[in-house]
Amino acid sequence: MAARRGLAPVIAGTLAVGLAYGSAFLPGGAPRWAPWSMVAGIALLCTGVMALGAARPGRRLGRMVWALVFTFIVLVVCFGLALVLPATEGRGSRLVLGLPLRAALVIYGIGWLPALVLPAVYARTFTQLTLDQADLDRIRAARRARAAP
């Protein structure tokens, strides 16, 4: 069931990204909504693939859902801000941790922030979402069966 829920954002994100790319072939170039379709598509694809990776048959995602929602919001906000902020980068531009503001949003917001949060949440939910004692016993029994002549 959790895998099916993760598949819906992957499909929706793929369609949104495809629509954004396809719109570039329209007469006059890509319309104003195309970058926003790309932003939404990328955010949906990323969180959908993460949900598929964390999903286990017969189990809910539990607290991992909040990490996925957080990641979706961070992606949309940071990509969106990078789109709407004026292109004023130059020699005298203000730097944020050594980068122009829009580059800092992409590198730190999209790259680092989820990379710090997601592993921490995954580690805290590992026994709930990944391997429990029954799974470990099943793996050990399969290993013993393979080792026996």
Protein backbone atom coordinates (compact mmCIF):
# COMPACT_ATOMS: atom_id res chain seq x y z
CA MET A 1 0.00 0.00 0.00
CA ALA A 2 2.81 2.45 0.87
CA ALA A 3 4.49 1.67 -2.45
CA ARG A 4 1.31 2.61 -4.30
CA ARG A 5 1.20 5.92 -2.46
CA GLY A 6 4.80 6.57 -3.44
CA LEU A 7 4.08 5.73 -7.06
CA ALA A 8 1.44 8.47 -7.48
CA PRO A 9 3.88 11.37 -6.90
CA VAL A 10 6.43 9.71 -9.17
CA ILE A 11 3.90 9.51 -11.99
CA ALA A 12 2.59 13.04 -11.37
CA GLY A 13 6.14 14.42 -11.15
CA THR A 14 7.17 12.68 -14.36
CA LEU A 15 4.16 14.13 -16.16
CA ALA A 16 4.87 17.63 -14.79
CA VAL A 17 8.53 17.50 -15.84
CA GLY A 18 7.58 16.12 -19.26
CA LEU A 19 5.00 18.87 -19.68
CA ALA A 20 7.59 21.51 -18.79
CA TYR A 21 10.10 20.10 -21.29
CA GLY A 22 7.45 19.64 -23.96
CA SER A 23 6.28 23.23 -23.57
CA ALA A 24 9.66 24.42 -24.86
CA PHE A 25 8.58 23.27 -28.32
CA LEU A 26 5.51 25.52 -28.34
CA PRO A 27 5.55 28.48 -30.72
CA GLY A 28 7.16 31.37 -28.89
CA GLY A 29 9.03 29.15 -26.44
CA ALA A 30 8.12 27.90 -23.02
CA PRO A 31 5.19 29.67 -21.32
CA ARG A 32 5.44 31.30 -17.89
CA TRP A 33 4.04 28.23 -16.11
CA ALA A 34 6.70 25.87 -17.48
CA PRO A 35 9.38 26.54 -14.82
CA TRP A 36 6.78 26.06 -12.08
CA SER A 37 5.72 22.78 -13.65
CA MET A 38 9.38 21.75 -13.53
CA VAL A 39 9.70 22.79 -9.86
CA ALA A 40 6.58 20.86 -8.87
CA GLY A 41 7.63 17.86 -10.95
CA ILE A 42 11.11 17.68 -9.46
CA ALA A 43 9.75 17.98 -5.90
CA LEU A 44 7.12 15.29 -6.54
CA LEU A 45 9.62 12.96 -8.20
CA CYS A 46 12.20 13.28 -5.42
CA THR A 47 9.79 12.71 -2.58
CA GLY A 48 7.94 9.96 -4.45
CA VAL A 49 11.15 8.03 -5.11
CA MET A 50 12.14 8.46 -1.45
CA ALA A 51 8.73 7.15 -0.37
CA LEU A 52 9.14 4.14 -2.67
CA GLY A 53 12.58 3.47 -1.20
CA ALA A 54 11.33 3.66 2.38
CA ALA A 55 8.13 1.67 1.79
CA ARG A 56 7.86 -1.86 3.15
CA PRO A 57 5.02 -4.25 2.34
CA GLY A 58 2.30 -4.11 4.95
CA ARG A 59 3.81 -1.19 6.85
CA ARG A 60 3.05 2.51 6.94
CA LEU A 61 5.74 5.13 6.57
CA GLY A 62 4.97 6.55 10.02
CA ARG A 63 7.15 9.49 11.00
CA MET A 64 9.03 9.27 7.72
CA VAL A 65 6.04 10.99 6.08
CA TRP A 66 6.95 14.22 7.89
CA ALA A 67 10.50 14.06 6.56
CA LEU A 68 9.15 13.58 3.05
CA VAL A 69 6.73 16.50 3.46
CA PHE A 70 9.62 18.61 4.78
CA THR A 71 11.74 17.66 1.76
CA PHE A 72 8.92 18.49 -0.66
CA ILE A 73 8.41 21.91 0.94
CA VAL A 74 12.15 22.68 0.98
CA LEU A 75 12.48 21.75 -2.70
CA VAL A 76 9.50 23.83 -3.78
CA VAL A 77 10.46 26.85 -1.66
CA CYS A 78 14.15 26.87 -2.58
CA PHE A 79 13.64 26.24 -6.30
CA GLY A 80 10.75 28.72 -6.28
CA LEU A 81 12.81 31.42 -4.58
CA ALA A 82 15.65 30.84 -7.01
CA LEU A 83 13.14 31.43 -9.82
CA VAL A 84 11.48 34.57 -8.45
CA LEU A 85 14.47 36.39 -7.00
CA PRO A 86 15.84 39.02 -9.37
CA ALA A 87 19.00 38.17 -11.27
CA THR A 88 21.19 40.77 -9.60
CA GLU A 89 24.33 38.73 -9.08
CA GLY A 90 27.48 40.64 -9.89
CA ARG A 91 30.76 41.80 -8.44
CA GLY A 92 29.19 43.59 -5.48
CA SER A 93 26.53 40.97 -4.73
CA ARG A 94 25.91 39.90 -1.16
CA LEU A 95 27.23 36.40 -0.52
CA VAL A 96 25.64 33.77 1.69
CA LEU A 97 28.28 31.36 2.99
CA GLY A 98 30.45 32.24 0.01
CA LEU A 99 27.79 31.97 -2.69
CA PRO A 100 25.37 34.38 -4.35
CA LEU A 101 21.90 34.14 -2.82
CA ARG A 102 20.23 32.09 -5.57
CA ALA A 103 23.15 29.66 -5.76
CA ALA A 104 23.14 29.35 -1.95
CA LEU A 105 19.43 28.48 -2.02
CA VAL A 106 20.08 25.68 -4.48
CA ILE A 107 23.28 24.30 -2.92
CA TYR A 108 22.47 24.69 0.76
CA GLY A 109 18.68 24.54 0.71
CA ILE A 110 18.18 21.79 -1.84
CA GLY A 111 21.46 19.97 -1.44
CA TRP A 112 22.46 20.12 2.20
CA LEU A 113 19.29 20.65 4.19
CA PRO A 114 17.52 17.44 3.08
CA ALA A 115 20.86 15.61 3.28
CA LEU A 116 21.05 16.51 6.97
CA VAL A 117 17.42 15.87 7.89
CA LEU A 118 16.55 12.72 5.94
CA PRO A 119 19.34 10.45 7.25
CA ALA A 120 18.59 11.52 10.82
CA VAL A 121 14.89 10.70 10.45
CA TYR A 122 15.66 7.45 8.63
CA ALA A 123 18.04 6.40 11.41
CA ARG A 124 15.39 7.13 14.06
CA THR A 125 12.76 5.12 12.18
CA PHE A 126 15.06 2.31 10.99
CA THR A 127 13.68 -0.45 13.20
CA GLN A 128 10.10 0.62 12.49
CA LEU A 129 10.51 0.91 8.71
CA THR A 130 13.30 -1.41 7.72
CA LEU A 131 14.48 -4.51 9.54
CA ASP A 132 12.67 -5.84 12.54
CA GLN A 133 13.47 -9.03 14.44
CA ALA A 134 11.25 -11.21 12.21
CA ASP A 135 13.08 -9.93 9.11
CA LEU A 136 16.47 -10.65 10.70
CA ASP A 137 15.37 -14.17 11.68
CA ARG A 138 14.16 -14.81 8.12
CA ILE A 139 17.49 -13.59 6.68
CA ARG A 140 19.50 -15.73 9.08
CA ALA A 141 17.40 -18.81 8.28
CA ALA A 142 17.91 -18.25 4.56
CA ARG A 143 21.67 -17.87 5.09
CA ARG A 144 21.81 -21.10 7.12
CA ALA A 145 19.82 -22.93 4.44
CA ARG A 146 22.29 -21.78 1.76
CA ALA A 147 25.31 -22.73 3.88
CA ALA A 148 24.04 -26.24 4.58
CA PRO A 149 25.36 -28.85 2.11
